[in-house]
N, C-alpha and C. Protein backbone atom coordinates (compact mmCIF):
# COMPACT_ATOMS: atom_id res chain seq x y z
N MET A 1 -21.98 -32.34 -7.80
CA MET A 1 -21.44 -31.29 -6.97
C MET A 1 -21.51 -31.68 -5.49
N TYR A 2 -22.56 -32.31 -5.07
CA TYR A 2 -22.69 -32.70 -3.68
C TYR A 2 -22.54 -34.21 -3.48
N SER A 3 -21.95 -34.89 -4.46
CA SER A 3 -21.80 -36.34 -4.37
C SER A 3 -20.94 -36.76 -3.18
N HIS A 4 -20.05 -35.87 -2.73
CA HIS A 4 -19.21 -36.21 -1.58
C HIS A 4 -20.05 -36.44 -0.33
N THR A 5 -21.23 -35.84 -0.25
CA THR A 5 -22.09 -36.05 0.92
C THR A 5 -22.74 -37.42 0.89
N ILE A 6 -22.81 -38.01 -0.29
CA ILE A 6 -23.38 -39.35 -0.43
C ILE A 6 -22.28 -40.41 -0.34
N ASP A 7 -21.17 -40.16 -1.02
CA ASP A 7 -20.04 -41.10 -1.03
C ASP A 7 -19.35 -41.22 0.32
N THR A 8 -19.35 -40.18 1.09
CA THR A 8 -18.64 -40.14 2.36
C THR A 8 -19.62 -39.78 3.48
N PRO A 9 -20.32 -40.75 4.03
CA PRO A 9 -21.36 -40.44 5.02
C PRO A 9 -20.84 -39.74 6.27
N LEU A 10 -19.61 -39.97 6.65
CA LEU A 10 -19.08 -39.29 7.84
C LEU A 10 -18.75 -37.83 7.58
N TYR A 11 -18.71 -37.43 6.32
CA TYR A 11 -18.39 -36.06 5.95
C TYR A 11 -19.36 -35.08 6.60
N LEU A 12 -20.65 -35.32 6.47
CA LEU A 12 -21.65 -34.41 7.03
C LEU A 12 -21.61 -34.37 8.55
N ALA A 13 -21.27 -35.48 9.17
CA ALA A 13 -21.20 -35.50 10.63
C ALA A 13 -20.11 -34.59 11.15
N ASN A 14 -19.12 -34.27 10.34
CA ASN A 14 -18.02 -33.41 10.79
C ASN A 14 -18.34 -31.92 10.72
N TYR A 15 -19.38 -31.55 10.01
CA TYR A 15 -19.75 -30.13 9.91
C TYR A 15 -20.01 -29.50 11.29
N PRO A 16 -20.87 -30.06 12.12
CA PRO A 16 -21.11 -29.44 13.44
C PRO A 16 -19.85 -29.38 14.28
N TYR A 17 -19.04 -30.43 14.21
CA TYR A 17 -17.79 -30.46 14.96
C TYR A 17 -16.88 -29.31 14.52
N GLY A 18 -16.81 -29.09 13.21
CA GLY A 18 -16.01 -27.99 12.67
C GLY A 18 -16.53 -26.64 13.10
N HIS A 19 -17.84 -26.47 13.17
CA HIS A 19 -18.42 -25.19 13.61
C HIS A 19 -18.11 -24.92 15.08
N ILE A 20 -18.13 -25.96 15.90
CA ILE A 20 -17.79 -25.81 17.32
C ILE A 20 -16.33 -25.37 17.46
N ILE A 21 -15.43 -26.03 16.72
CA ILE A 21 -14.01 -25.67 16.76
C ILE A 21 -13.82 -24.24 16.28
N HIS A 22 -14.48 -23.88 15.19
CA HIS A 22 -14.37 -22.52 14.65
C HIS A 22 -14.79 -21.48 15.68
N PHE A 23 -15.91 -21.72 16.36
CA PHE A 23 -16.40 -20.76 17.34
C PHE A 23 -15.43 -20.63 18.51
N GLN A 24 -14.89 -21.76 18.99
CA GLN A 24 -13.93 -21.70 20.09
C GLN A 24 -12.69 -20.91 19.69
N LEU A 25 -12.19 -21.13 18.48
CA LEU A 25 -11.02 -20.38 18.01
C LEU A 25 -11.35 -18.90 17.88
N GLU A 26 -12.52 -18.60 17.37
CA GLU A 26 -12.94 -17.21 17.23
C GLU A 26 -12.97 -16.50 18.58
N GLN A 27 -13.48 -17.18 19.59
CA GLN A 27 -13.53 -16.60 20.94
C GLN A 27 -12.13 -16.41 21.50
N GLN A 28 -11.22 -17.32 21.21
CA GLN A 28 -9.85 -17.23 21.70
C GLN A 28 -9.13 -16.03 21.08
N ILE A 29 -9.39 -15.78 19.80
CA ILE A 29 -8.67 -14.74 19.06
C ILE A 29 -9.28 -13.36 19.28
N LYS A 30 -10.55 -13.31 19.67
CA LYS A 30 -11.26 -12.03 19.83
C LYS A 30 -10.45 -11.06 20.71
N GLY A 31 -10.18 -9.87 20.19
CA GLY A 31 -9.48 -8.85 20.94
C GLY A 31 -7.96 -9.01 20.95
N LYS A 32 -7.45 -9.99 20.23
CA LYS A 32 -6.01 -10.23 20.19
C LYS A 32 -5.50 -10.05 18.77
N SER A 33 -4.21 -10.02 18.63
CA SER A 33 -3.60 -9.96 17.30
C SER A 33 -3.80 -11.30 16.60
N ILE A 34 -4.51 -11.28 15.48
CA ILE A 34 -4.75 -12.51 14.74
C ILE A 34 -3.43 -13.14 14.31
N ALA A 35 -2.51 -12.31 13.82
CA ALA A 35 -1.22 -12.83 13.36
C ALA A 35 -0.46 -13.51 14.49
N ALA A 36 -0.43 -12.89 15.66
CA ALA A 36 0.28 -13.48 16.80
C ALA A 36 -0.37 -14.79 17.23
N GLU A 37 -1.70 -14.83 17.22
CA GLU A 37 -2.40 -16.05 17.62
C GLU A 37 -2.15 -17.18 16.62
N ILE A 38 -2.16 -16.84 15.33
CA ILE A 38 -1.89 -17.86 14.32
C ILE A 38 -0.47 -18.39 14.46
N GLU A 39 0.49 -17.50 14.68
CA GLU A 39 1.87 -17.95 14.87
C GLU A 39 2.01 -18.81 16.12
N ARG A 40 1.20 -18.56 17.12
CA ARG A 40 1.25 -19.35 18.35
C ARG A 40 0.57 -20.71 18.17
N ILE A 41 -0.57 -20.72 17.49
CA ILE A 41 -1.39 -21.92 17.40
C ILE A 41 -0.90 -22.89 16.33
N TYR A 42 -0.64 -22.41 15.12
CA TYR A 42 -0.41 -23.31 13.99
C TYR A 42 0.84 -24.19 14.10
N PRO A 43 1.92 -23.76 14.73
CA PRO A 43 3.09 -24.65 14.80
C PRO A 43 2.83 -25.96 15.54
N ALA A 44 1.73 -26.08 16.23
CA ALA A 44 1.42 -27.34 16.93
C ALA A 44 1.36 -28.49 15.94
N GLY A 45 0.99 -28.20 14.70
CA GLY A 45 1.02 -29.21 13.65
C GLY A 45 -0.19 -30.12 13.61
N CYS A 46 0.03 -31.29 13.08
CA CYS A 46 -1.03 -32.27 12.84
C CYS A 46 -1.21 -33.15 14.08
N LEU A 47 -2.19 -32.83 14.88
CA LEU A 47 -2.47 -33.55 16.11
C LEU A 47 -3.93 -33.98 16.12
N THR A 48 -4.32 -34.77 17.09
CA THR A 48 -5.74 -35.08 17.23
C THR A 48 -6.48 -33.79 17.56
N PRO A 49 -7.75 -33.68 17.20
CA PRO A 49 -8.48 -32.44 17.46
C PRO A 49 -8.44 -32.01 18.94
N GLN A 50 -8.60 -32.94 19.86
CA GLN A 50 -8.61 -32.57 21.28
C GLN A 50 -7.25 -32.01 21.71
N HIS A 51 -6.17 -32.66 21.30
CA HIS A 51 -4.84 -32.19 21.67
C HIS A 51 -4.55 -30.82 21.05
N TRP A 52 -4.92 -30.66 19.77
CA TRP A 52 -4.69 -29.39 19.09
C TRP A 52 -5.46 -28.27 19.77
N MET A 53 -6.72 -28.54 20.14
CA MET A 53 -7.54 -27.51 20.80
C MET A 53 -7.02 -27.17 22.18
N ARG A 54 -6.52 -28.16 22.92
CA ARG A 54 -5.92 -27.86 24.23
C ARG A 54 -4.77 -26.88 24.06
N HIS A 55 -3.99 -27.08 23.00
CA HIS A 55 -2.87 -26.15 22.74
C HIS A 55 -3.40 -24.79 22.26
N ALA A 56 -4.40 -24.81 21.39
CA ALA A 56 -4.88 -23.58 20.75
C ALA A 56 -5.69 -22.70 21.68
N VAL A 57 -6.63 -23.28 22.43
CA VAL A 57 -7.53 -22.47 23.25
C VAL A 57 -7.49 -22.80 24.74
N GLY A 58 -6.73 -23.83 25.10
CA GLY A 58 -6.61 -24.17 26.52
C GLY A 58 -7.69 -25.11 27.03
N SER A 59 -8.53 -25.61 26.14
CA SER A 59 -9.56 -26.57 26.55
C SER A 59 -9.89 -27.47 25.37
N GLU A 60 -10.57 -28.57 25.67
CA GLU A 60 -10.96 -29.50 24.62
C GLU A 60 -12.13 -28.94 23.82
N VAL A 61 -12.41 -29.56 22.70
CA VAL A 61 -13.56 -29.17 21.89
C VAL A 61 -14.81 -29.31 22.75
N SER A 62 -15.59 -28.25 22.80
CA SER A 62 -16.76 -28.24 23.67
C SER A 62 -17.81 -27.29 23.13
N PRO A 63 -19.07 -27.62 23.29
CA PRO A 63 -20.13 -26.68 22.89
C PRO A 63 -20.34 -25.58 23.93
N GLN A 64 -19.63 -25.64 25.05
CA GLN A 64 -19.86 -24.68 26.13
C GLN A 64 -19.68 -23.22 25.70
N PRO A 65 -18.65 -22.87 24.91
CA PRO A 65 -18.56 -21.47 24.47
C PRO A 65 -19.78 -21.01 23.67
N LEU A 66 -20.37 -21.90 22.87
CA LEU A 66 -21.59 -21.55 22.14
C LEU A 66 -22.75 -21.31 23.11
N LEU A 67 -22.86 -22.17 24.10
CA LEU A 67 -23.93 -22.01 25.10
C LEU A 67 -23.74 -20.73 25.90
N ASP A 68 -22.49 -20.40 26.25
CA ASP A 68 -22.21 -19.17 26.99
C ASP A 68 -22.57 -17.95 26.15
N ALA A 69 -22.23 -17.98 24.87
CA ALA A 69 -22.55 -16.85 23.99
C ALA A 69 -24.06 -16.71 23.82
N ALA A 70 -24.76 -17.82 23.74
CA ALA A 70 -26.22 -17.77 23.63
C ALA A 70 -26.83 -17.18 24.89
N GLU A 71 -26.33 -17.58 26.04
CA GLU A 71 -26.81 -17.03 27.31
C GLU A 71 -26.56 -15.53 27.38
N GLU A 72 -25.37 -15.10 26.97
CA GLU A 72 -25.04 -13.68 26.97
C GLU A 72 -25.97 -12.90 26.04
N ALA A 73 -26.26 -13.45 24.87
CA ALA A 73 -27.16 -12.80 23.92
C ALA A 73 -28.57 -12.70 24.50
N LEU A 74 -29.03 -13.75 25.15
CA LEU A 74 -30.36 -13.72 25.75
C LEU A 74 -30.44 -12.66 26.86
N GLN A 75 -29.41 -12.53 27.64
CA GLN A 75 -29.40 -11.52 28.69
C GLN A 75 -29.46 -10.12 28.10
N LYS A 76 -28.77 -9.89 26.99
CA LYS A 76 -28.82 -8.59 26.33
C LYS A 76 -30.22 -8.29 25.80
N ILE A 77 -30.87 -9.31 25.25
CA ILE A 77 -32.22 -9.14 24.72
C ILE A 77 -33.20 -8.83 25.86
N GLU A 78 -33.04 -9.51 26.99
CA GLU A 78 -33.94 -9.30 28.13
C GLU A 78 -33.81 -7.89 28.69
N LYS A 79 -32.63 -7.29 28.59
CA LYS A 79 -32.41 -5.93 29.12
C LYS A 79 -33.07 -4.89 28.23
N GLU A 80 -33.32 -5.23 26.97
CA GLU A 80 -33.90 -4.24 26.03
C GLU A 80 -35.35 -4.08 26.21
């Protein structure tokens, strides 16, 4: 069942990258029409991740949105 993690060593390395991309997309779509955003983003097609993300969210793949969200969460906790 998990043999792909042994046969394909680069497979596991892509998990964090995928989570970063997912979070950036989630932040881009938040408060907007999901359908409209999908129609806008998906026609870009099969591109390199950096090029696709520039089209989808206006910036390259970056952990910065995760760091910003963590900072915002910490500020909320400190106020309580």
